[in-house]
Amino acid sequence: MHSPETLPPIEALAAVIAARRSGSFTAAAEMLGLTHGAVSRRVHAVEHWLGTPLFERHGRGVRITPAGQRFVAQVEQALASIRDSADRWRPRRDLPVVRLSVVPSFARLWLMPRLRELQGAPPLCRIELQIEHRVADLRAGQSDLAIRYGRGRWRGVDSRLLFGETLFPVASPGFAAESGLAAGAGRIAGVPLLHDSDTGQWRTWLRAAGTEFRAKASDRRFEDYDLVLAAARAGLGVALLRSPLVEDALADGRLVRIAGPSIGNVAGHFLATAPGESRAPVCRLADRLLALTAGMRR
């Protein structure tokens, strides 16, 4: 049993946490650069100090006990509090770097105009943008945060909605006039449709407008959504405007709204974090992103 005057060494607590996360002393030893025996001794020391077993040993590894689950959760919370305190009181030299993974079109259309506001004044961190089409593996440490587009259900991450979207058709004024689109939504299916790699939005919109999607040779596909809008401004066809992602797209008059319904997009923009993320700079940036988009969720 422990006395109030003594605490287990931080190295022993780290061994308990590593064993909890990996499910075996061998894997925990590899994570910490120790031997299996060293991890076992450190875990045993904490169990002796606590007066209760934290793990059940079995042939393939270890299984955390209910008492161990509660203890590890409290230790992780305490360590996170210590890190937060250190961040507040440590003299600021180099700002902590938070890596944010986003796709190119979202970065150009929405994030870049708001990046200065997001960093804050004075900045609490330096945001390192990882602009790429691939989905960063947060659990493997490829990025600290990610903004993902979809339905919010991804394995191995915690996701929170930043904002959803409403879809309606737009075109350049010249193209709208030449194609007779002012006559109604029924004509849209027959003109060149502009889209990214997913035609599902057009299929859903046209169904809501009372017609069906039929792929045509005149339709154009682009890898990034900002190129879809650029093509619409150039008079190459009709695009679906995703509001509020590009809330100012109609302001300069180069695009006009075409007659037809507005529909909710089944996909939205989500903030993704690794499960149990507790690093103070990462959590603060996540909170700022959520605060910045609070009005858009309403």
C-alpha atoms as a PDB file:
ATOM      1  CA  MET A   1       0.000   0.000   0.000  1.00  0.00           C
ATOM      2  CA  HIS A   2       1.173   3.550  -0.589  1.00  0.00           C
ATOM      3  CA  SER A   3       1.695   6.395   1.805  1.00  0.00           C
ATOM      4  CA  PRO A   4       0.703   9.981   0.974  1.00  0.00           C
ATOM      5  CA  GLU A   5       4.339  11.051   1.123  1.00  0.00           C
ATOM      6  CA  THR A   6       5.459   8.857  -1.790  1.00  0.00           C
ATOM      7  CA  LEU A   7       4.448   8.571  -5.423  1.00  0.00           C
ATOM      8  CA  PRO A   8       5.503   6.040  -8.045  1.00  0.00           C
ATOM      9  CA  PRO A   9       8.166   7.300 -10.478  1.00  0.00           C
ATOM     10  CA  ILE A  10       6.897   8.855 -13.704  1.00  0.00           C
ATOM     11  CA  GLU A  11       8.767   6.136 -15.628  1.00  0.00           C
ATOM     12  CA  ALA A  12       6.685   3.476 -13.866  1.00  0.00           C
ATOM     13  CA  LEU A  13       3.438   5.300 -14.680  1.00  0.00           C
ATOM     14  CA  ALA A  14       4.567   5.580 -18.317  1.00  0.00           C
ATOM     15  CA  ALA A  15       5.067   1.805 -18.396  1.00  0.00           C
ATOM     16  CA  VAL A  16       1.530   1.241 -17.084  1.00  0.00           C
ATOM     17  CA  ILE A  17       0.060   3.574 -19.719  1.00  0.00           C
ATOM     18  CA  ALA A  18       2.085   1.944 -22.516  1.00  0.00           C
ATOM     19  CA  ALA A  19       0.968  -1.526 -21.420  1.00  0.00           C
ATOM     20  CA  ARG A  20      -2.644  -0.350 -21.335  1.00  0.00           C
ATOM     21  CA  ARG A  21      -2.438   1.068 -24.858  1.00  0.00           C
ATOM     22  CA  SER A  22      -0.531  -1.814 -26.442  1.00  0.00           C
ATOM     23  CA  GLY A  23      -2.098  -4.755 -24.590  1.00  0.00           C
ATOM     24  CA  SER A  24       1.218  -6.457 -23.826  1.00  0.00           C
ATOM     25  CA  PHE A  25       4.417  -5.841 -21.881  1.00  0.00           C
ATOM     26  CA  THR A  26       6.480  -6.817 -24.937  1.00  0.00           C
ATOM     27  CA  ALA A  27       4.855  -4.155 -27.146  1.00  0.00           C
ATOM     28  CA  ALA A  28       5.106  -1.624 -24.318  1.00  0.00           C
ATOM     29  CA  ALA A  29       8.807  -2.403 -24.002  1.00  0.00           C
ATOM     30  CA  GLU A  30       9.294  -1.728 -27.730  1.00  0.00           C
ATOM     31  CA  MET A  31       7.425   1.591 -27.439  1.00  0.00           C
ATOM     32  CA  LEU A  32       9.557   2.714 -24.493  1.00  0.00           C
ATOM     33  CA  GLY A  33      12.896   1.280 -25.607  1.00  0.00           C
ATOM     34  CA  LEU A  34      13.058  -1.061 -22.597  1.00  0.00           C
ATOM     35  CA  THR A  35      13.218  -4.781 -21.975  1.00  0.00           C
ATOM     36  CA  HIS A  36      10.151  -6.859 -21.202  1.00  0.00           C
ATOM     37  CA  GLY A  37      11.480  -7.427 -17.695  1.00  0.00           C
ATOM     38  CA  ALA A  38      11.960  -3.704 -17.060  1.00  0.00           C
ATOM     39  CA  VAL A  39       8.357  -2.957 -18.032  1.00  0.00           C
ATOM     40  CA  SER A  40       7.089  -5.835 -15.875  1.00  0.00           C
ATOM     41  CA  ARG A  41       9.044  -4.584 -12.847  1.00  0.00           C
ATOM     42  CA  ARG A  42       7.803  -1.015 -13.264  1.00  0.00           C
ATOM     43  CA  VAL A  43       4.185  -2.130 -13.593  1.00  0.00           C
ATOM     44  CA  HIS A  44       4.590  -4.381 -10.557  1.00  0.00           C
ATOM     45  CA  ALA A  45       6.006  -1.448  -8.561  1.00  0.00           C
ATOM     46  CA  VAL A  46       2.904   0.646  -9.318  1.00  0.00           C
ATOM     47  CA  GLU A  47       0.614  -2.270  -8.430  1.00  0.00           C
ATOM     48  CA  HIS A  48       2.477  -2.744  -5.149  1.00  0.00           C
ATOM     49  CA  TRP A  49       2.231   0.997  -4.410  1.00  0.00           C
ATOM     50  CA  LEU A  50      -1.473   0.990  -5.246  1.00  0.00           C
ATOM     51  CA  GLY A  51      -2.227  -2.258  -3.452  1.00  0.00           C
ATOM     52  CA  THR A  52      -4.253  -3.826  -6.254  1.00  0.00           C
ATOM     53  CA  PRO A  53      -3.485  -5.542  -9.590  1.00  0.00           C
ATOM     54  CA  LEU A  54      -3.819  -3.353 -12.688  1.00  0.00           C
ATOM     55  CA  PHE A  55      -3.497  -6.132 -15.264  1.00  0.00           C
ATOM     56  CA  GLU A  56      -4.522  -9.735 -15.683  1.00  0.00           C
ATOM     57  CA  ARG A  57      -1.638 -11.692 -17.208  1.00  0.00           C
ATOM     58  CA  HIS A  58      -2.407 -14.291 -19.869  1.00  0.00           C
ATOM     59  CA  GLY A  59      -0.500 -16.163 -22.552  1.00  0.00           C
ATOM     60  CA  ARG A  60      -0.873 -13.606 -25.337  1.00  0.00           C
ATOM     61  CA  GLY A  61      -0.395 -10.443 -23.322  1.00  0.00           C
ATOM     62  CA  VAL A  62      -2.151  -8.575 -20.556  1.00  0.00           C
ATOM     63  CA  ARG A  63      -5.705  -7.397 -19.947  1.00  0.00           C
ATOM     64  CA  ILE A  64      -6.438  -4.255 -17.947  1.00  0.00           C
ATOM     65  CA  THR A  65      -8.584  -4.760 -14.843  1.00  0.00           C
ATOM     66  CA  PRO A  66     -11.520  -2.461 -14.040  1.00  0.00           C
ATOM     67  CA  ALA A  67      -9.412  -0.858 -11.303  1.00  0.00           C
ATOM     68  CA  GLY A  68      -6.606  -0.465 -13.808  1.00  0.00           C
ATOM     69  CA  GLN A  69      -8.899   1.258 -16.304  1.00  0.00           C
ATOM     70  CA  ARG A  70      -9.982   3.816 -13.717  1.00  0.00           C
ATOM     71  CA  PHE A  71      -6.441   4.356 -12.475  1.00  0.00           C
ATOM     72  CA  VAL A  72      -4.920   4.816 -15.955  1.00  0.00           C
ATOM     73  CA  ALA A  73      -7.680   7.262 -16.942  1.00  0.00           C
ATOM     74  CA  GLN A  74      -6.966   9.380 -13.857  1.00  0.00           C
ATOM     75  CA  VAL A  75      -3.199   9.240 -14.428  1.00  0.00           C
ATOM     76  CA  GLU A  76      -3.596  10.347 -18.061  1.00  0.00           C
ATOM     77  CA  GLN A  77      -5.864  13.189 -16.945  1.00  0.00           C
ATOM     78  CA  ALA A  78      -3.326  14.245 -14.300  1.00  0.00           C
ATOM     79  CA  LEU A  79      -0.447  14.167 -16.791  1.00  0.00           C
ATOM     80  CA  ALA A  80      -2.471  16.219 -19.276  1.00  0.00           C
ATOM     81  CA  SER A  81      -3.106  18.782 -16.519  1.00  0.00           C
ATOM     82  CA  ILE A  82       0.629  18.940 -15.804  1.00  0.00           C
ATOM     83  CA  ARG A  83       1.354  19.480 -19.520  1.00  0.00           C
ATOM     84  CA  ASP A  84      -1.259  22.249 -19.672  1.00  0.00           C
ATOM     85  CA  SER A  85       0.288  23.942 -16.656  1.00  0.00           C
ATOM     86  CA  ALA A  86       3.744  23.716 -18.187  1.00  0.00           C
ATOM     87  CA  ASP A  87       2.480  25.271 -21.427  1.00  0.00           C
ATOM     88  CA  ARG A  88       1.047  28.225 -19.495  1.00  0.00           C
ATOM     89  CA  TRP A  89       4.076  28.896 -17.297  1.00  0.00           C
ATOM     90  CA  ARG A  90       7.008  27.901 -19.497  1.00  0.00           C
ATOM     91  CA  PRO A  91       8.740  30.941 -21.053  1.00  0.00           C
ATOM     92  CA  ARG A  92       7.656  31.182 -24.681  1.00  0.00           C
ATOM     93  CA  ARG A  93      10.497  30.709 -27.114  1.00  0.00           C
ATOM     94  CA  ASP A  94       9.404  28.591 -30.017  1.00  0.00           C
ATOM     95  CA  LEU A  95       5.676  28.238 -30.559  1.00  0.00           C
ATOM     96  CA  PRO A  96       4.395  24.650 -30.542  1.00  0.00           C
ATOM     97  CA  VAL A  97       3.665  23.340 -34.024  1.00  0.00           C
ATOM     98  CA  VAL A  98       0.282  21.767 -34.768  1.00  0.00           C
ATOM     99  CA  ARG A  99       0.014  19.884 -38.074  1.00  0.00           C
ATOM    100  CA  LEU A 100      -3.379  20.284 -39.738  1.00  0.00           C
ATOM    101  CA  SER A 101      -4.260  18.001 -42.666  1.00  0.00           C
ATOM    102  CA  VAL A 102      -6.708  19.418 -45.245  1.00  0.00           C
ATOM    103  CA  VAL A 103      -7.549  18.795 -48.884  1.00  0.00           C
ATOM    104  CA  PRO A 104      -6.365  21.471 -51.373  1.00  0.00           C
ATOM    105  CA  SER A 105      -9.783  22.901 -52.288  1.00  0.00           C
ATOM    106  CA  PHE A 106     -10.846  23.364 -48.655  1.00  0.00           C
ATOM    107  CA  ALA A 107      -7.523  25.048 -47.884  1.00  0.00           C
ATOM    108  CA  ARG A 108      -7.854  27.489 -50.769  1.00  0.00           C
ATOM    109  CA  LEU A 109     -11.569  28.234 -50.526  1.00  0.00           C
ATOM    110  CA  TRP A 110     -12.189  28.367 -46.781  1.00  0.00           C
ATOM    111  CA  LEU A 111      -9.150  27.940 -44.577  1.00  0.00           C
ATOM    112  CA  MET A 112      -6.581  30.359 -46.020  1.00  0.00           C
ATOM    113  CA  PRO A 113      -8.809  33.459 -45.688  1.00  0.00           C
ATOM    114  CA  ARG A 114      -9.341  32.548 -42.005  1.00  0.00           C
ATOM    115  CA  LEU A 115      -5.884  31.242 -41.097  1.00  0.00           C
ATOM    116  CA  ARG A 116      -4.722  34.459 -39.427  1.00  0.00           C
ATOM    117  CA  GLU A 117      -7.852  34.607 -37.276  1.00  0.00           C
ATOM    118  CA  LEU A 118      -7.463  30.930 -36.438  1.00  0.00           C
ATOM    119  CA  GLN A 119      -3.885  31.336 -35.215  1.00  0.00           C
ATOM    120  CA  GLY A 120      -4.924  34.220 -32.974  1.00  0.00           C
ATOM    121  CA  ALA A 121      -3.026  37.259 -31.742  1.00  0.00           C
ATOM    122  CA  PRO A 122      -0.716  36.578 -30.128  1.00  0.00           C
ATOM    123  CA  PRO A 123      -0.605  33.118 -31.701  1.00  0.00           C
ATOM    124  CA  LEU A 124      -0.748  30.158 -29.326  1.00  0.00           C
ATOM    125  CA  CYS A 125       0.722  27.783 -31.891  1.00  0.00           C
ATOM    126  CA  ARG A 126       2.152  27.666 -35.377  1.00  0.00           C
ATOM    127  CA  ILE A 127      -0.200  25.898 -37.762  1.00  0.00           C
ATOM    128  CA  GLU A 128       1.614  23.692 -40.247  1.00  0.00           C
ATOM    129  CA  LEU A 129      -0.750  22.910 -43.109  1.00  0.00           C
ATOM    130  CA  GLN A 130      -0.478  19.500 -44.713  1.00  0.00           C
ATOM    131  CA  ILE A 131      -2.354  20.023 -47.966  1.00  0.00           C
ATOM    132  CA  GLU A 132      -2.975  16.676 -49.592  1.00  0.00           C
ATOM    133  CA  HIS A 133      -5.678  14.466 -51.040  1.00  0.00           C
ATOM    134  CA  ARG A 134      -4.779  11.410 -48.975  1.00  0.00           C
ATOM    135  CA  VAL A 135      -6.380  10.847 -45.573  1.00  0.00           C
ATOM    136  CA  ALA A 136      -3.734  11.355 -42.887  1.00  0.00           C
ATOM    137  CA  ASP A 137      -3.469   8.580 -40.294  1.00  0.00           C
ATOM    138  CA  LEU A 138      -3.871  10.452 -37.008  1.00  0.00           C
ATOM    139  CA  ARG A 139      -3.272   7.400 -34.855  1.00  0.00           C
ATOM    140  CA  ALA A 140       0.084   6.827 -36.575  1.00  0.00           C
ATOM    141  CA  GLY A 141       1.104  10.444 -35.940  1.00  0.00           C
ATOM    142  CA  GLN A 142       1.043  11.540 -39.587  1.00  0.00           C
ATOM    143  CA  SER A 143      -0.824  14.678 -38.523  1.00  0.00           C
ATOM    144  CA  ASP A 144      -2.224  16.208 -35.327  1.00  0.00           C
ATOM    145  CA  LEU A 145      -5.619  17.304 -36.639  1.00  0.00           C
ATOM    146  CA  ALA A 146      -7.504  16.744 -39.871  1.00  0.00           C
ATOM    147  CA  ILE A 147     -10.484  18.348 -41.552  1.00  0.00           C
ATOM    148  CA  ARG A 148     -12.298  15.609 -43.416  1.00  0.00           C
ATOM    149  CA  TYR A 149     -15.209  15.749 -45.821  1.00  0.00           C
ATOM    150  CA  GLY A 150     -17.833  13.048 -45.548  1.00  0.00           C
ATOM    151  CA  ARG A 151     -20.507  11.725 -43.217  1.00  0.00           C
ATOM    152  CA  GLY A 152     -18.415  11.810 -40.056  1.00  0.00           C
ATOM    153  CA  ARG A 153     -18.058   8.070 -39.550  1.00  0.00           C
ATOM    154  CA  TRP A 154     -14.427   7.017 -39.719  1.00  0.00           C
ATOM    155  CA  ARG A 155     -12.765   4.240 -37.791  1.00  0.00           C
ATOM    156  CA  GLY A 156     -10.029   5.082 -35.359  1.00  0.00           C
ATOM    157  CA  VAL A 157     -10.759   8.818 -34.989  1.00  0.00           C
ATOM    158  CA  ASP A 158     -13.046  11.093 -33.025  1.00  0.00           C
ATOM    159  CA  SER A 159     -14.943  13.442 -35.348  1.00  0.00           C
ATOM    160  CA  ARG A 160     -16.978  16.584 -34.656  1.00  0.00           C
ATOM    161  CA  LEU A 161     -19.016  18.501 -37.214  1.00  0.00           C
ATOM    162  CA  LEU A 162     -17.585  21.854 -38.296  1.00  0.00           C
ATOM    163  CA  PHE A 163     -20.402  22.688 -40.708  1.00  0.00           C
ATOM    164  CA  GLY A 164     -22.766  21.111 -43.203  1.00  0.00           C
ATOM    165  CA  GLU A 165     -23.651  22.311 -46.686  1.00  0.00           C
ATOM    166  CA  THR A 166     -26.597  23.330 -48.838  1.00  0.00           C
ATOM    167  CA  LEU A 167     -26.420  22.701 -52.603  1.00  0.00           C
ATOM    168  CA  PHE A 168     -27.958  24.716 -55.452  1.00  0.00           C
ATOM    169  CA  PRO A 169     -26.987  25.229 -59.130  1.00  0.00           C
ATOM    170  CA  VAL A 170     -24.998  28.192 -60.438  1.00  0.00           C
ATOM    171  CA  ALA A 171     -23.544  29.260 -63.777  1.00  0.00           C
ATOM    172  CA  SER A 172     -22.002  32.294 -65.391  1.00  0.00           C
ATOM    173  CA  PRO A 173     -24.580  34.912 -66.498  1.00  0.00           C
ATOM    174  CA  GLY A 174     -23.632  34.412 -70.147  1.00  0.00           C
ATOM    175  CA  PHE A 175     -23.971  30.635 -70.032  1.00  0.00           C
ATOM    176  CA  ALA A 176     -27.283  30.865 -68.171  1.00  0.00           C
ATOM    177  CA  ALA A 177     -28.701  33.202 -70.818  1.00  0.00           C
ATOM    178  CA  GLU A 178     -27.388  31.243 -73.807  1.00  0.00           C
ATOM    179  CA  SER A 179     -28.666  27.909 -72.440  1.00  0.00           C
ATOM    180  CA  GLY A 180     -32.128  29.190 -71.540  1.00  0.00           C
ATOM    181  CA  LEU A 181     -31.706  28.163 -67.907  1.00  0.00           C
ATOM    182  CA  ALA A 182     -33.968  30.950 -66.734  1.00  0.00           C
ATOM    183  CA  ALA A 183     -36.865  28.856 -68.054  1.00  0.00           C
ATOM    184  CA  GLY A 184     -36.559  26.428 -65.141  1.00  0.00           C
ATOM    185  CA  ALA A 185     -34.645  23.592 -63.566  1.00  0.00           C
ATOM    186  CA  GLY A 186     -35.822  21.053 -66.142  1.00  0.00           C
ATOM    187  CA  ARG A 187     -33.287  22.244 -68.700  1.00  0.00           C
ATOM    188  CA  ILE A 188     -30.276  21.698 -66.447  1.00  0.00           C
ATOM    189  CA  ALA A 189     -30.027  17.947 -67.111  1.00  0.00           C
ATOM    190  CA  GLY A 190     -29.370  18.672 -70.795  1.00  0.00           C
ATOM    191  CA  VAL A 191     -26.483  21.146 -70.410  1.00  0.00           C
ATOM    192  CA  PRO A 192     -22.844  20.413 -69.459  1.00  0.00           C
ATOM    193  CA  LEU A 193     -22.642  19.586 -65.768  1.00  0.00           C
ATOM    194  CA  LEU A 194     -19.483  20.382 -63.825  1.00  0.00           C
ATOM    195  CA  HIS A 195     -18.465  18.200 -60.884  1.00  0.00           C
ATOM    196  CA  ASP A 196     -15.575  16.687 -58.996  1.00  0.00           C
ATOM    197  CA  SER A 197     -14.913  12.948 -58.755  1.00  0.00           C
ATOM    198  CA  ASP A 198     -18.333  12.348 -57.141  1.00  0.00           C
ATOM    199  CA  THR A 199     -21.449  12.703 -59.289  1.00  0.00           C
ATOM    200  CA  GLY A 200     -23.678  11.769 -56.352  1.00  0.00           C
ATOM    201  CA  GLN A 201     -24.548  15.381 -55.581  1.00  0.00           C
ATOM    202  CA  TRP A 202     -25.829  16.004 -59.089  1.00  0.00           C
ATOM    203  CA  ARG A 203     -27.800  12.748 -59.026  1.00  0.00           C
ATOM    204  CA  THR A 204     -29.479  13.742 -55.767  1.00  0.00           C
ATOM    205  CA  TRP A 205     -30.180  17.323 -56.880  1.00  0.00           C
ATOM    206  CA  LEU A 206     -31.649  16.340 -60.248  1.00  0.00           C
ATOM    207  CA  ARG A 207     -33.874  13.760 -58.550  1.00  0.00           C
ATOM    208  CA  ALA A 208     -35.134  16.509 -56.235  1.00  0.00           C
ATOM    209  CA  ALA A 209     -35.783  18.663 -59.314  1.00  0.00           C
ATOM    210  CA  GLY A 210     -37.892  15.919 -60.891  1.00  0.00           C
ATOM    211  CA  THR A 211     -35.470  14.479 -63.421  1.00  0.00           C
ATOM    212  CA  GLU A 212     -32.611  11.957 -63.615  1.00  0.00           C
ATOM    213  CA  PHE A 213     -28.876  12.256 -64.047  1.00  0.00           C
ATOM    214  CA  ARG A 214     -27.498  11.025 -67.360  1.00  0.00           C
ATOM    215  CA  ALA A 215     -23.781  11.308 -67.975  1.00  0.00           C
ATOM    216  CA  LYS A 216     -22.943  13.203 -71.194  1.00  0.00           C
ATOM    217  CA  ALA A 217     -19.767  13.704 -73.176  1.00  0.00           C
ATOM    218  CA  SER A 218     -20.081  17.442 -72.561  1.00  0.00           C
ATOM    219  CA  ASP A 219     -19.945  17.034 -68.764  1.00  0.00           C
ATOM    220  CA  ARG A 220     -16.627  17.952 -67.152  1.00  0.00           C
ATOM    221  CA  ARG A 221     -14.919  16.381 -64.142  1.00  0.00           C
ATOM    222  CA  PHE A 222     -12.260  18.136 -62.052  1.00  0.00           C
ATOM    223  CA  GLU A 223     -10.131  16.828 -59.200  1.00  0.00           C
ATOM    224  CA  ASP A 224     -10.678  19.830 -56.902  1.00  0.00           C
ATOM    225  CA  TYR A 225     -13.893  21.696 -56.166  1.00  0.00           C
ATOM    226  CA  ASP A 226     -12.347  25.140 -56.636  1.00  0.00           C
ATOM    227  CA  LEU A 227     -11.628  24.133 -60.257  1.00  0.00           C
ATOM    228  CA  VAL A 228     -15.312  23.225 -60.635  1.00  0.00           C
ATOM    229  CA  LEU A 229     -16.215  26.787 -59.646  1.00  0.00           C
ATOM    230  CA  ALA A 230     -13.522  28.248 -61.928  1.00  0.00           C
ATOM    231  CA  ALA A 231     -14.979  26.286 -64.844  1.00  0.00           C
ATOM    232  CA  ALA A 232     -18.465  27.595 -64.048  1.00  0.00           C
ATOM    233  CA  ARG A 233     -17.167  31.181 -63.983  1.00  0.00           C
ATOM    234  CA  ALA A 234     -15.542  30.550 -67.379  1.00  0.00           C
ATOM    235  CA  GLY A 235     -18.921  29.598 -68.846  1.00  0.00           C
ATOM    236  CA  LEU A 236     -18.196  25.879 -69.310  1.00  0.00           C
ATOM    237  CA  GLY A 237     -21.346  24.586 -67.657  1.00  0.00           C
ATOM    238  CA  VAL A 238     -23.436  24.439 -64.495  1.00  0.00           C
ATOM    239  CA  ALA A 239     -21.998  23.653 -61.068  1.00  0.00           C
ATOM    240  CA  LEU A 240     -23.549  22.969 -57.690  1.00  0.00           C
ATOM    241  CA  LEU A 241     -22.581  25.677 -55.240  1.00  0.00           C
ATOM    242  CA  ARG A 242     -21.781  24.331 -51.781  1.00  0.00           C
ATOM    243  CA  SER A 243     -22.942  26.918 -49.252  1.00  0.00           C
ATOM    244  CA  PRO A 244     -21.508  28.107 -46.885  1.00  0.00           C
ATOM    245  CA  LEU A 245     -18.137  26.693 -48.030  1.00  0.00           C
ATOM    246  CA  VAL A 246     -18.018  29.425 -50.678  1.00  0.00           C
ATOM    247  CA  GLU A 247     -20.481  31.893 -49.199  1.00  0.00           C
ATOM    248  CA  ASP A 248     -19.131  34.845 -51.219  1.00  0.00           C
ATOM    249  CA  ALA A 249     -19.052  33.048 -54.597  1.00  0.00           C
ATOM    250  CA  LEU A 250     -22.020  35.053 -55.946  1.00  0.00           C
ATOM    251  CA  ALA A 251     -20.871  38.420 -54.655  1.00  0.00           C
ATOM    252  CA  ASP A 252     -18.862  39.546 -57.695  1.00  0.00           C
ATOM    253  CA  GLY A 253     -21.597  38.654 -60.215  1.00  0.00           C
ATOM    254  CA  ARG A 254     -19.501  36.134 -62.161  1.00  0.00           C
ATOM    255  CA  LEU A 255     -21.862  33.400 -61.023  1.00  0.00           C
ATOM    256  CA  VAL A 256     -25.643  33.543 -60.774  1.00  0.00           C
ATOM    257  CA  ARG A 257     -28.074  31.173 -59.149  1.00  0.00           C
ATOM    258  CA  ILE A 258     -30.183  29.032 -61.446  1.00  0.00           C
ATOM    259  CA  ALA A 259     -33.818  28.210 -60.762  1.00  0.00           C
ATOM    260  CA  GLY A 260     -34.326  25.018 -58.814  1.00  0.00           C
ATOM    261  CA  PRO A 261     -34.408  23.587 -55.309  1.00  0.00           C
ATOM    262  CA  SER A 262     -31.801  23.847 -52.589  1.00  0.00           C
ATOM    263  CA  ILE A 263     -30.952  20.527 -50.977  1.00  0.00           C
ATOM    264  CA  GLY A 264     -28.926  19.525 -47.951  1.00  0.00           C
ATOM    265  CA  ASN A 265     -25.634  17.798 -48.696  1.00  0.00           C
ATOM    266  CA  VAL A 266     -25.369  14.394 -47.017  1.00  0.00           C
ATOM    267  CA  ALA A 267     -21.648  15.092 -46.525  1.00  0.00           C
ATOM    268  CA  GLY A 268     -20.180  17.792 -44.310  1.00  0.00           C
ATOM    269  CA  HIS A 269     -16.854  19.038 -43.009  1.00  0.00           C
ATOM    270  CA  PHE A 270     -15.644  17.380 -39.807  1.00  0.00           C
ATOM    271  CA  LEU A 271     -12.766  17.984 -37.436  1.00  0.00           C
ATOM    272  CA  ALA A 272     -10.990  14.682 -36.769  1.00  0.00           C
ATOM    273  CA  THR A 273      -8.670  13.952 -33.842  1.00  0.00           C
ATOM    274  CA  ALA A 274      -6.973  10.836 -32.569  1.00  0.00           C
ATOM    275  CA  PRO A 275      -8.945   9.079 -29.804  1.00  0.00           C
ATOM    276  CA  GLY A 276      -8.145  10.529 -26.390  1.00  0.00           C
ATOM    277  CA  GLU A 277      -6.168  13.469 -27.806  1.00  0.00           C
ATOM    278  CA  SER A 278      -5.065  15.614 -24.840  1.00  0.00           C
ATOM    279  CA  ARG A 279      -2.095  17.710 -26.000  1.00  0.00           C
ATOM    280  CA  ALA A 280      -2.828  21.292 -25.051  1.00  0.00           C
ATOM    281  CA  PRO A 281      -1.825  23.036 -28.346  1.00  0.00           C
ATOM    282  CA  VAL A 282      -3.797  20.509 -30.401  1.00  0.00           C
ATOM    283  CA  CYS A 283      -6.874  20.796 -28.174  1.00  0.00           C
ATOM    284  CA  ARG A 284      -6.728  24.604 -28.217  1.00  0.00           C
ATOM    285  CA  LEU A 285      -6.589  24.690 -32.022  1.00  0.00           C
ATOM    286  CA  ALA A 286      -9.479  22.221 -32.193  1.00  0.00           C
ATOM    287  CA  ASP A 287     -11.504  24.431 -29.849  1.00  0.00           C
ATOM    288  CA  ARG A 288     -10.771  27.488 -32.009  1.00  0.00           C
ATOM    289  CA  LEU A 289     -11.897  25.710 -35.164  1.00  0.00           C
ATOM    290  CA  LEU A 290     -15.132  24.686 -33.475  1.00  0.00           C
ATOM    291  CA  ALA A 291     -15.685  28.207 -32.125  1.00  0.00           C
ATOM    292  CA  LEU A 292     -14.953  29.747 -35.537  1.00  0.00           C
ATOM    293  CA  THR A 293     -17.605  27.572 -37.191  1.00  0.00           C
ATOM    294  CA  ALA A 294     -20.210  27.673 -34.402  1.00  0.00           C
ATOM    295  CA  GLY A 295     -22.458  30.084 -36.310  1.00  0.00           C
ATOM    296  CA  MET A 296     -22.218  27.936 -39.457  1.00  0.00           C
ATOM    297  CA  ARG A 297     -23.531  24.915 -37.546  1.00  0.00           C
ATOM    298  CA  ARG A 298     -26.598  26.923 -36.566  1.00  0.00           C
END
